[in-house]
Amino acid sequence: MSQGEAAGRGIAKPQDRGWAWMVLLAAVLLQGLTLGFPCCIGVFFTDLQHDFQASNSQTSWFPSIMVAVLHGGGPLCSILVKRFGCRFVVMLGGLLSGLGMVSSSFCKSISQLYLTAGLITGLGSCFSFQAGVTVLGYYFVRWRTLANAMASTGVSLGFTLWPLLSQYLLDEMGWRNTFLIFGGILLNCCVCGAIMRPIQLASGSLPQSAKPEEEPGSRAEEAQLSNGASPHHPTLQQHTRRTKCFQVLQKYLAFDIFCQNKGYQIYTIGVTWMMMGFALPHVYLVPYAIRNGVEEHKAALLISVIGFINIFIRPLMGLLSGHRAFTGRRIYLFSLAVLLCGLSNFICVISAEFSVLILYCVILSIAMSGIGALTFQVLMDVVEMDRFSSALGLFTILESITLLIGPPLTGLLVDITGDFHYIFYNSSFFLISAALFMGLSFCALEKKNKLREASKAHLDNPSRYQYSETSTEPKTGNQSPPAVEFITSI
């Protein structure tokens, strides 16, 4: 086979070695460029307000849209990956991200930023990040857990470097030229995508995974044809379209799991409610510090402190949560991290001095590390792995809605009252209430399940009353990665 033919058909690469480590390096850079990027928007908050004469609520819509699309575009990204492959989608995301920020530098109103920096850049970041994570599942098998943990350090690096770079460029050349430079930087996602050469899959793996989903529709159509219906009959065509639409929703948005699985239902509602307050410090911390007399470069440093501590704490949280002692109990660790995140906000209410805000950032970063390390691990605990991808689709869609509306609603409250303290009051309310809801609900659900199991064991064998708990850890024997999987990160 010639080199051109091999490149066209996908090259069979040794997994867990060789070129796989270059792909991992590209994934680290991708996560820093995409997930880490929204954290620097707070640096431009005051300048954008001044130039466009916009309120806090109006200005906060732009980062809210960016983050919501970044998290909620997973199902669309998954469809594109299945159709065109990871490499194409990563490079497409890089082009959209760069185009969005370059266009933002020419915006004449804050509403135009909603489209350019919010929608276009957010969608591009979603494509690059999630397709980049998906390709790691193909290049790594034995070291997949390690590869994903190492790739997630890119987020922390982005949190550390983006605010510092933003403040420097803003001081030197203003926000318009800075956005123009950001467009060029984000185009490096295309370079990362080019490194992710397609890997040859097992023969027939994709068609086999698609067959079970196509059977219900085909059987219904065959039944209609056997009764004498024409394949072009309007009723049959309408029924076929409804069936295919239902199959797509069932694959990417698992409403059946939400209705039947109480654990998934509680966790999804809790995280969705939590997101109303989770993003508020990222958006408003820098303008809050500047308003209270902190120098601009010191205010930008606050976000970098959060990112720097995350580099070291997040892997430790991942190792701690993976210990056997926490099997089936990770939801309580997650709830504790959310509770700590909510309580830490009261530090900002007490004082806005720079030293106090540094202490706040340290505590907040520790709590955020726990949330980031556990969010999807807990989801794997409450949902069977063969339905994880579809359960994740509904999960990310719902959390993106509250990520979208949380900062603008809080900004509106600040505009009405003129008191920035409501930002941290609101954040604490949503985080603390979500933590208590998830922790207490799972505790009640666990007791209910134990009583049910005990009652069943007593009926089956009255002379020997006992029950046993089963681990919620997914089996990892020879399980291959899903054909298409989209993953977000907090």
Protein backbone atom coordinates (compact mmCIF):
# COMPACT_ATOMS: atom_id res chain seq x y z
CA MET A 1 0.00 0.00 0.00
CA SER A 2 1.32 3.43 -0.90
CA GLN A 3 1.67 6.19 1.66
CA GLY A 4 -1.12 8.17 0.00
CA GLU A 5 -3.49 5.21 0.15
CA ALA A 6 -2.59 4.56 3.78
CA ALA A 7 -3.25 8.18 4.68
CA GLY A 8 -6.57 8.16 2.88
CA ARG A 9 -7.84 4.96 4.48
CA GLY A 10 -6.52 5.62 8.01
CA ILE A 11 -3.24 4.29 9.33
CA ALA A 12 -3.18 1.44 11.83
CA LYS A 13 -1.07 2.90 14.63
CA PRO A 14 0.29 1.04 17.67
CA GLN A 15 -1.88 2.02 20.62
CA ASP A 16 -0.45 3.30 23.93
CA ARG A 17 2.93 4.09 22.38
CA GLY A 18 4.63 5.97 19.59
CA TRP A 19 2.43 8.56 17.91
CA ALA A 20 -0.21 8.16 20.63
CA TRP A 21 1.86 10.35 22.96
CA MET A 22 1.98 13.12 20.35
CA VAL A 23 -1.80 12.91 20.17
CA LEU A 24 -1.92 13.20 23.96
CA LEU A 25 0.24 16.34 23.83
CA ALA A 26 -2.14 17.79 21.23
CA ALA A 27 -5.09 16.95 23.52
CA VAL A 28 -3.42 18.81 26.43
CA LEU A 29 -2.99 21.90 24.24
CA LEU A 30 -6.58 21.61 22.97
CA GLN A 31 -8.03 21.59 26.47
CA GLY A 32 -5.94 24.60 27.42
CA LEU A 33 -7.03 26.48 24.29
CA THR A 34 -10.73 25.61 24.56
CA LEU A 35 -11.87 24.88 28.12
CA GLY A 36 -9.35 27.28 29.63
CA PHE A 37 -10.26 30.18 27.34
CA PRO A 38 -13.59 31.38 28.88
CA CYS A 39 -11.88 32.01 32.23
CA CYS A 40 -10.15 35.14 30.85
CA ILE A 41 -13.34 36.91 29.76
CA GLY A 42 -13.74 38.57 33.16
CA VAL A 43 -10.56 40.54 32.44
CA PHE A 44 -12.39 42.39 29.64
CA PHE A 45 -15.67 42.82 31.53
CA THR A 46 -15.13 46.43 32.66
CA ASP A 47 -13.73 47.62 29.30
CA LEU A 48 -16.61 46.06 27.36
CA GLN A 49 -19.12 47.66 29.70
CA HIS A 50 -17.51 51.06 29.21
CA ASP A 51 -17.15 50.87 25.40
CA PHE A 52 -20.65 49.54 24.72
CA GLN A 53 -22.38 51.34 27.63
CA ALA A 54 -23.82 47.97 28.67
CA SER A 55 -25.19 46.79 32.02
CA ASN A 56 -23.80 43.90 34.04
CA SER A 57 -26.58 41.65 32.80
CA GLN A 58 -26.06 42.56 29.13
CA THR A 59 -22.29 42.07 29.32
CA SER A 60 -22.52 38.73 31.11
CA TRP A 61 -24.65 37.21 28.30
CA PHE A 62 -21.58 36.97 26.07
CA PRO A 63 -19.45 34.65 28.30
CA SER A 64 -22.62 32.79 29.34
CA ILE A 65 -23.46 31.93 25.74
CA MET A 66 -19.87 30.84 25.09
CA VAL A 67 -19.77 28.48 28.09
CA ALA A 68 -23.29 27.14 27.50
CA VAL A 69 -22.56 26.28 23.86
CA LEU A 70 -19.19 24.80 24.85
CA HIS A 71 -20.94 22.39 27.23
CA GLY A 72 -24.23 21.85 25.41
CA GLY A 73 -22.99 21.23 21.87
CA GLY A 74 -21.98 17.64 22.66
CA PRO A 75 -24.74 15.83 20.74
CA LEU A 76 -24.06 17.85 17.58
CA CYS A 77 -20.33 17.23 17.94
CA SER A 78 -20.97 13.51 18.37
CA ILE A 79 -23.00 13.38 15.15
CA LEU A 80 -20.25 15.19 13.22
CA VAL A 81 -17.54 12.90 14.63
CA LYS A 82 -19.49 9.84 13.55
CA ARG A 83 -19.96 11.29 10.06
CA PHE A 84 -16.59 12.96 9.37
CA GLY A 85 -14.15 11.69 12.00
CA CYS A 86 -12.34 13.31 14.93
CA ARG A 87 -9.56 14.97 12.94
CA PHE A 88 -11.93 16.92 10.70
CA VAL A 89 -14.13 18.05 13.61
CA VAL A 90 -11.16 19.27 15.67
CA MET A 91 -9.87 21.34 12.74
CA LEU A 92 -13.37 22.65 11.98
CA GLY A 93 -13.65 23.74 15.61
CA GLY A 94 -10.31 25.56 15.37
CA LEU A 95 -11.48 27.46 12.29
CA LEU A 96 -14.76 28.46 13.95
CA SER A 97 -13.02 29.55 17.17
CA GLY A 98 -10.50 31.70 15.30
CA LEU A 99 -13.17 33.16 13.03
CA GLY A 100 -15.38 34.01 16.01
CA MET A 101 -12.68 35.94 17.88
CA VAL A 102 -11.39 37.75 14.78
CA SER A 103 -14.97 38.83 13.99
CA SER A 104 -15.40 39.94 17.61
CA SER A 105 -12.61 42.48 17.24
CA PHE A 106 -14.79 44.38 14.70
CA CYS A 107 -18.07 44.28 16.68
CA LYS A 108 -19.95 47.56 17.08
CA SER A 109 -22.40 46.43 19.78
CA ILE A 110 -22.55 43.99 22.66
CA SER A 111 -25.27 41.99 20.89
CA GLN A 112 -22.89 41.26 18.01
CA LEU A 113 -20.50 39.71 20.53
CA TYR A 114 -23.25 37.26 21.47
CA LEU A 115 -23.06 35.82 17.94
CA THR A 116 -19.32 36.03 17.24
CA ALA A 117 -17.53 35.36 20.54
CA GLY A 118 -20.48 33.65 22.21
CA LEU A 119 -22.04 31.31 19.64
CA ILE A 120 -19.34 30.86 16.97
CA THR A 121 -16.31 30.67 19.28
CA GLY A 122 -18.22 28.57 21.83
CA LEU A 123 -19.32 26.08 19.17
CA GLY A 124 -15.81 25.87 17.73
CA SER A 125 -14.33 25.25 21.18
CA CYS A 126 -16.94 22.53 21.77
CA PHE A 127 -16.02 20.74 18.53
CA SER A 128 -12.27 20.90 19.14
CA PHE A 129 -12.38 19.87 22.79
CA GLN A 130 -14.87 17.03 22.62
CA ALA A 131 -13.53 15.50 19.40
CA GLY A 132 -10.02 15.76 20.87
CA VAL A 133 -11.08 13.81 23.96
CA THR A 134 -12.87 11.22 21.83
CA VAL A 135 -9.77 10.44 19.77
CA LEU A 136 -7.85 9.57 22.96
CA GLY A 137 -10.18 6.58 23.37
CA TYR A 138 -8.88 5.21 20.08
CA TYR A 139 -5.18 5.85 20.66
CA PHE A 140 -5.10 4.63 24.28
CA VAL A 141 -6.42 1.38 25.72
CA ARG A 142 -4.15 0.24 28.54
CA TRP A 143 -3.21 3.79 29.58
CA ARG A 144 -6.56 5.42 28.81
CA THR A 145 -7.24 6.57 32.38
CA LEU A 146 -3.76 8.07 32.67
CA ALA A 147 -4.10 9.74 29.26
CA ASN A 148 -7.40 11.40 30.19
CA ALA A 149 -5.99 12.57 33.53
CA MET A 150 -2.91 14.06 31.85
CA ALA A 151 -5.04 15.71 29.16
CA SER A 152 -7.19 17.39 31.82
CA THR A 153 -4.12 19.26 33.11
CA GLY A 154 -4.45 21.39 29.98
CA VAL A 155 -7.54 23.00 31.53
CA SER A 156 -5.55 24.07 34.58
CA LEU A 157 -2.73 25.39 32.41
CA GLY A 158 -5.28 27.40 30.43
CA PHE A 159 -6.77 28.82 33.64
CA THR A 160 -3.29 29.86 34.71
CA LEU A 161 -1.98 31.43 31.49
CA TRP A 162 -5.01 32.92 29.71
CA PRO A 163 -5.80 35.63 32.33
CA LEU A 164 -2.17 36.75 32.56
CA LEU A 165 -1.83 36.96 28.78
CA SER A 166 -5.18 38.74 28.52
CA GLN A 167 -4.28 41.44 31.02
CA TYR A 168 -0.89 42.05 29.40
CA LEU A 169 -2.34 42.37 25.88
CA LEU A 170 -5.25 44.49 27.15
CA ASP A 171 -2.85 46.97 28.76
CA GLU A 172 -0.64 47.11 25.66
CA MET A 173 -3.14 47.27 22.79
CA GLY A 174 -6.78 47.30 23.97
CA TRP A 175 -9.47 44.64 23.82
CA ARG A 176 -10.10 44.77 20.05
CA ASN A 177 -6.52 44.00 19.07
CA THR A 178 -6.35 41.43 21.86
CA PHE A 179 -9.39 39.60 20.45
CA LEU A 180 -7.73 39.68 17.03
CA ILE A 181 -4.61 38.02 18.46
CA PHE A 182 -6.77 35.50 20.31
CA GLY A 183 -8.29 34.50 16.97
CA GLY A 184 -4.82 33.63 15.70
CA ILE A 185 -3.97 31.71 18.87
CA LEU A 186 -7.16 29.63 18.70
CA LEU A 187 -6.33 28.65 15.11
CA ASN A 188 -3.64 26.45 16.66
CA CYS A 189 -6.48 24.01 17.36
CA CYS A 190 -6.20 23.18 13.65
CA VAL A 191 -2.55 22.25 14.16
CA CYS A 192 -3.53 19.98 17.06
CA GLY A 193 -6.19 18.41 14.87
CA ALA A 194 -3.68 17.76 12.09
CA ILE A 195 -1.56 15.77 14.57
CA MET A 196 -4.54 13.50 15.33
CA ARG A 197 -4.14 11.24 12.33
CA PRO A 198 -7.04 8.81 11.82
CA ILE A 199 -6.47 5.38 13.30
CA GLN A 200 -7.81 2.32 11.53
CA LEU A 201 -10.71 0.76 13.44
CA ALA A 202 -11.58 -2.89 13.69
CA SER A 203 -13.26 -4.14 10.55
CA GLY A 204 -17.01 -3.64 10.63
CA SER A 205 -17.10 -2.12 14.11
CA LEU A 206 -19.17 0.93 13.18
CA PRO A 207 -21.77 -0.84 11.01
CA GLN A 208 -22.31 -3.47 13.71
CA SER A 209 -22.90 -0.83 16.38
CA ALA A 210 -25.41 0.89 14.15
CA LYS A 211 -27.43 -2.18 13.21
CA PRO A 212 -29.42 -2.59 16.44
CA GLU A 213 -30.56 1.02 16.25
CA GLU A 214 -31.75 0.65 12.69
CA GLU A 215 -33.70 -2.55 13.22
CA PRO A 216 -36.85 -1.12 14.86
CA GLY A 217 -37.44 1.31 12.03
CA SER A 218 -36.72 -1.23 9.33
CA ARG A 219 -39.02 -3.80 10.96
CA ALA A 220 -41.85 -1.27 11.12
CA GLU A 221 -41.34 -0.37 7.49
CA GLU A 222 -41.29 -4.05 6.46
CA ALA A 223 -44.53 -4.62 8.36
CA GLN A 224 -46.18 -1.76 6.47
CA LEU A 225 -44.92 -3.05 3.12
CA SER A 226 -46.14 -6.58 3.90
CA ASN A 227 -49.64 -5.12 4.35
CA GLY A 228 -49.50 -3.65 0.87
CA ALA A 229 -48.46 -0.07 1.71
CA SER A 230 -46.37 1.73 -0.87
CA PRO A 231 -42.88 2.81 0.27
CA HIS A 232 -43.80 6.32 -0.90
CA HIS A 233 -47.11 6.38 0.97
CA PRO A 234 -47.36 9.61 3.09
CA THR A 235 -48.42 7.72 6.22
CA LEU A 236 -45.49 5.32 5.98
CA GLN A 237 -43.02 8.13 5.32
CA GLN A 238 -44.34 10.10 8.29
CA HIS A 239 -44.12 7.04 10.54
CA THR A 240 -40.56 6.33 9.37
CA ARG A 241 -39.48 9.92 10.07
CA ARG A 242 -40.97 9.75 13.58
CA THR A 243 -39.22 6.45 14.24
CA LYS A 244 -35.84 7.78 13.10
CA CYS A 245 -36.31 10.97 15.13
CA PHE A 246 -37.12 8.90 18.22
CA GLN A 247 -34.03 6.74 17.66
CA VAL A 248 -31.77 9.81 17.44
CA LEU A 249 -33.25 11.28 20.64
CA GLN A 250 -32.94 7.93 22.38
CA LYS A 251 -29.28 7.66 21.38
CA TYR A 252 -28.12 11.16 22.29
CA LEU A 253 -30.71 12.27 24.92
CA ALA A 254 -31.66 9.40 27.23
CA PHE A 255 -35.05 10.50 28.55
CA ASP A 256 -35.90 6.89 29.43
CA ILE A 257 -32.95 6.71 31.84
CA PHE A 258 -34.00 10.00 33.41
CA CYS A 259 -37.51 8.66 34.07
CA GLN A 260 -36.48 5.18 35.31
CA ASN A 261 -33.14 5.68 37.10
CA LYS A 262 -33.67 7.59 40.36
CA GLY A 263 -29.95 8.06 40.95
CA TYR A 264 -29.43 9.62 37.52
CA GLN A 265 -32.53 11.75 38.01
CA ILE A 266 -31.32 13.14 41.36
CA TYR A 267 -27.78 13.72 40.13
CA THR A 268 -28.83 15.45 36.91
CA ILE A 269 -31.27 17.78 38.70
CA GLY A 270 -28.69 18.55 41.38
CA VAL A 271 -25.88 19.40 38.95
CA THR A 272 -28.22 21.41 36.73
CA TRP A 273 -29.29 23.50 39.76
CA MET A 274 -25.66 23.78 40.90
CA MET A 275 -24.60 25.30 37.57
CA MET A 276 -26.80 28.34 38.23
CA GLY A 277 -24.19 29.46 40.75
CA PHE A 278 -21.02 27.59 39.76
CA ALA A 279 -19.93 29.93 36.95
CA LEU A 280 -20.63 33.21 38.77
CA PRO A 281 -17.19 33.66 40.40
CA HIS A 282 -15.43 33.02 37.07
CA VAL A 283 -17.40 35.78 35.37
CA TYR A 284 -17.57 38.39 38.14
CA LEU A 285 -14.52 37.87 40.37
CA VAL A 286 -12.19 40.14 38.35
CA PRO A 287 -14.66 43.06 37.96
CA TYR A 288 -15.61 42.69 41.65
CA ALA A 289 -11.95 43.00 42.69
CA ILE A 290 -11.33 45.99 40.39
CA ARG A 291 -14.42 47.77 41.71
CA ASN A 292 -13.11 47.35 45.25
CA GLY A 293 -9.75 48.97 44.51
CA VAL A 294 -7.59 46.00 43.48
CA GLU A 295 -5.17 46.79 40.64
CA GLU A 296 -6.12 45.29 37.28
CA HIS A 297 -3.06 43.04 36.93
CA LYS A 298 -3.56 41.73 40.46
CA ALA A 299 -7.24 41.07 39.75
CA ALA A 300 -6.31 39.00 36.68
CA LEU A 301 -3.84 37.09 38.83
CA LEU A 302 -6.71 35.78 40.97
CA ILE A 303 -8.00 33.54 38.16
CA SER A 304 -4.45 32.35 37.47
CA VAL A 305 -4.08 31.32 41.12
CA ILE A 306 -7.18 29.14 40.77
CA GLY A 307 -5.75 27.48 37.65
CA PHE A 308 -2.28 26.98 39.10
CA ILE A 309 -3.56 25.19 42.21
CA ASN A 310 -5.83 23.06 40.02
CA ILE A 311 -2.78 21.66 38.23
CA PHE A 312 -1.68 19.87 41.41
CA ILE A 313 -4.93 19.29 43.31
CA ARG A 314 -7.10 17.84 40.54
CA PRO A 315 -4.91 14.73 39.94
CA LEU A 316 -4.76 14.14 43.71
CA MET A 317 -8.55 14.35 43.91
CA GLY A 318 -8.79 11.84 41.07
CA LEU A 319 -6.49 9.40 42.88
CA LEU A 320 -8.36 9.85 46.17
CA SER A 321 -11.77 9.25 44.59
CA GLY A 322 -10.45 6.13 42.86
CA HIS A 323 -9.60 4.46 46.18
CA ARG A 324 -11.53 1.30 46.97
CA ALA A 325 -12.94 2.86 50.14
CA PHE A 326 -14.98 5.34 48.08
CA THR A 327 -16.51 2.80 45.70
CA GLY A 328 -20.20 3.63 45.46
CA ARG A 329 -19.76 6.65 47.76
CA ARG A 330 -18.22 9.17 45.40
CA ILE A 331 -21.48 11.12 45.28
CA TYR A 332 -20.89 12.13 48.92
CA LEU A 333 -17.38 13.37 48.11
CA PHE A 334 -18.85 15.33 45.21
CA SER A 335 -21.56 16.85 47.41
CA LEU A 336 -18.92 17.80 49.98
CA ALA A 337 -16.85 19.55 47.29
CA VAL A 338 -19.93 21.47 46.09
CA LEU A 339 -20.76 22.45 49.69
CA LEU A 340 -17.21 23.73 50.25
CA CYS A 341 -17.40 25.69 46.99
CA GLY A 342 -20.60 27.36 48.16
CA LEU A 343 -19.33 28.17 51.65
CA SER A 344 -16.10 29.68 50.28
CA ASN A 345 -18.07 32.49 48.61
CA PHE A 346 -18.80 34.06 51.99
CA ILE A 347 -15.10 34.98 52.23
CA CYS A 348 -15.60 37.55 49.46
CA VAL A 349 -18.57 39.04 51.32
CA ILE A 350 -16.46 39.54 54.45
CA SER A 351 -13.67 41.46 52.70
CA ALA A 352 -12.47 42.41 49.21
CA GLU A 353 -8.82 42.96 50.11
CA PHE A 354 -6.34 41.27 47.79
CA SER A 355 -4.90 38.99 50.49
CA VAL A 356 -8.40 37.83 51.46
CA LEU A 357 -9.31 37.21 47.82
CA ILE A 358 -6.15 35.08 47.43
CA LEU A 359 -7.32 32.94 50.36
CA TYR A 360 -10.73 32.66 48.69
CA CYS A 361 -9.13 31.52 45.42
CA VAL A 362 -7.11 28.82 47.21
CA ILE A 363 -10.18 27.34 48.92
CA LEU A 364 -12.32 27.71 45.81
CA SER A 365 -9.68 25.98 43.70
CA ILE A 366 -9.54 22.98 46.05
CA ALA A 367 -13.33 22.65 45.90
CA MET A 368 -13.38 23.08 42.12
CA SER A 369 -10.72 20.38 41.75
CA GLY A 370 -12.99 17.93 43.55
CA ILE A 371 -15.97 18.89 41.40
CA GLY A 372 -13.97 18.62 38.17
CA ALA A 373 -12.43 15.27 39.08
CA LEU A 374 -15.71 13.67 40.20
CA THR A 375 -18.44 15.04 37.92
CA PHE A 376 -18.28 12.36 35.23
CA GLN A 377 -16.99 9.61 37.50
CA VAL A 378 -20.16 9.91 39.60
CA LEU A 379 -22.21 9.82 36.41
CA MET A 380 -20.50 6.54 35.49
CA ASP A 381 -21.43 5.20 38.94
CA VAL A 382 -25.15 5.85 38.55
CA VAL A 383 -25.54 4.91 34.85
CA GLU A 384 -24.61 1.69 33.05
CA MET A 385 -21.63 2.18 30.77
CA ASP A 386 -23.44 0.98 27.65
CA ARG A 387 -25.84 3.95 28.05
CA PHE A 388 -23.27 6.44 29.36
CA SER A 389 -22.90 8.38 26.10
CA SER A 390 -26.64 9.01 25.74
CA ALA A 391 -27.03 9.80 29.46
CA LEU A 392 -24.19 12.32 29.14
CA GLY A 393 -26.02 13.99 26.25
CA LEU A 394 -29.08 14.91 28.32
CA PHE A 395 -26.85 15.77 31.28
CA THR A 396 -24.79 18.33 29.34
CA ILE A 397 -27.81 19.85 27.58
CA LEU A 398 -29.58 20.56 30.88
CA GLU A 399 -26.50 21.96 32.63
CA SER A 400 -25.77 24.21 29.65
CA ILE A 401 -29.20 25.85 30.06
CA THR A 402 -28.47 26.94 33.63
CA LEU A 403 -24.91 27.92 32.69
CA LEU A 404 -26.50 30.22 30.10
CA ILE A 405 -29.06 31.95 32.31
CA GLY A 406 -27.22 32.04 35.68
CA PRO A 407 -24.76 34.95 35.15
CA PRO A 408 -27.20 37.26 33.29
CA LEU A 409 -29.90 36.85 35.95
CA THR A 410 -27.40 37.59 38.70
CA GLY A 411 -26.08 40.54 36.68
CA LEU A 412 -29.63 41.89 36.46
CA LEU A 413 -29.94 41.64 40.24
CA VAL A 414 -26.66 43.57 40.65
CA ASP A 415 -27.88 46.23 38.19
CA ILE A 416 -31.08 46.69 40.21
CA THR A 417 -29.47 46.73 43.65
CA GLY A 418 -26.01 48.12 42.83
CA ASP A 419 -24.50 45.62 45.29
CA PHE A 420 -21.87 43.18 43.96
CA HIS A 421 -22.24 41.05 47.11
CA TYR A 422 -25.38 39.48 45.61
CA ILE A 423 -23.12 37.63 43.15
CA PHE A 424 -21.62 35.60 45.97
CA TYR A 425 -24.88 35.30 47.89
CA ASN A 426 -26.53 33.82 44.80
CA SER A 427 -23.63 31.50 44.09
CA SER A 428 -23.63 30.22 47.68
CA PHE A 429 -27.39 29.66 47.65
CA PHE A 430 -27.38 27.51 44.51
CA LEU A 431 -24.24 25.55 45.43
CA ILE A 432 -25.16 24.83 49.06
CA SER A 433 -28.77 23.88 48.24
CA ALA A 434 -27.59 21.59 45.41
CA ALA A 435 -25.04 19.90 47.69
CA LEU A 436 -27.63 19.27 50.41
CA PHE A 437 -30.19 18.04 47.88
CA MET A 438 -27.82 15.51 46.28
CA GLY A 439 -26.25 14.30 49.52
CA LEU A 440 -29.52 13.84 51.44
CA SER A 441 -31.41 12.40 48.44
CA PHE A 442 -28.75 9.78 47.74
CA CYS A 443 -28.61 8.92 51.44
CA ALA A 444 -32.40 8.37 51.46
CA LEU A 445 -32.22 6.42 48.19
CA GLU A 446 -29.45 4.19 49.57
CA LYS A 447 -31.47 3.42 52.71
CA LYS A 448 -34.54 2.65 50.61
CA ASN A 449 -32.56 0.26 48.38
CA LYS A 450 -31.05 -1.50 51.40
CA LEU A 451 -34.50 -2.00 52.94
CA ARG A 452 -35.82 -3.34 49.65
CA GLU A 453 -32.90 -5.75 49.30
CA ALA A 454 -33.24 -6.85 52.91
CA SER A 455 -36.96 -7.45 52.49
CA LYS A 456 -36.37 -9.43 49.30
CA ALA A 457 -33.65 -11.52 50.93
CA HIS A 458 -35.93 -12.20 53.90
CA LEU A 459 -38.74 -13.40 51.61
CA ASP A 460 -36.42 -15.57 49.52
CA ASN A 461 -34.72 -17.19 52.54
CA PRO A 462 -36.45 -16.41 55.87
CA SER A 463 -33.97 -18.50 57.88
CA ARG A 464 -30.95 -16.47 56.68
CA TYR A 465 -31.61 -12.74 56.60
CA GLN A 466 -28.78 -11.05 54.72
CA TYR A 467 -28.03 -8.82 51.80
CA SER A 468 -24.95 -7.80 49.88
CA GLU A 469 -23.96 -4.59 48.17
CA THR A 470 -22.68 -4.69 44.62
CA SER A 471 -19.98 -2.35 43.41
CA THR A 472 -20.97 0.34 40.96
CA GLU A 473 -17.54 0.26 39.32
CA PRO A 474 -17.80 -0.34 35.56
CA LYS A 475 -16.24 -3.52 34.22
CA THR A 476 -13.14 -2.75 32.24
CA GLY A 477 -12.14 -6.17 30.96
CA ASN A 478 -11.94 -6.10 27.18
CA GLN A 479 -14.44 -3.30 26.79
CA SER A 480 -13.67 -1.23 23.71
CA PRO A 481 -14.28 2.52 23.50
CA PRO A 482 -17.63 3.61 22.06
CA ALA A 483 -17.65 4.45 18.37
CA VAL A 484 -18.56 8.04 19.18
CA GLU A 485 -18.42 9.60 22.63
CA PHE A 486 -18.62 13.23 23.67
CA ILE A 487 -17.25 14.36 27.01
CA THR A 488 -17.32 17.67 28.77
CA SER A 489 -15.33 18.94 31.69
CA ILE A 490 -15.90 21.40 34.46
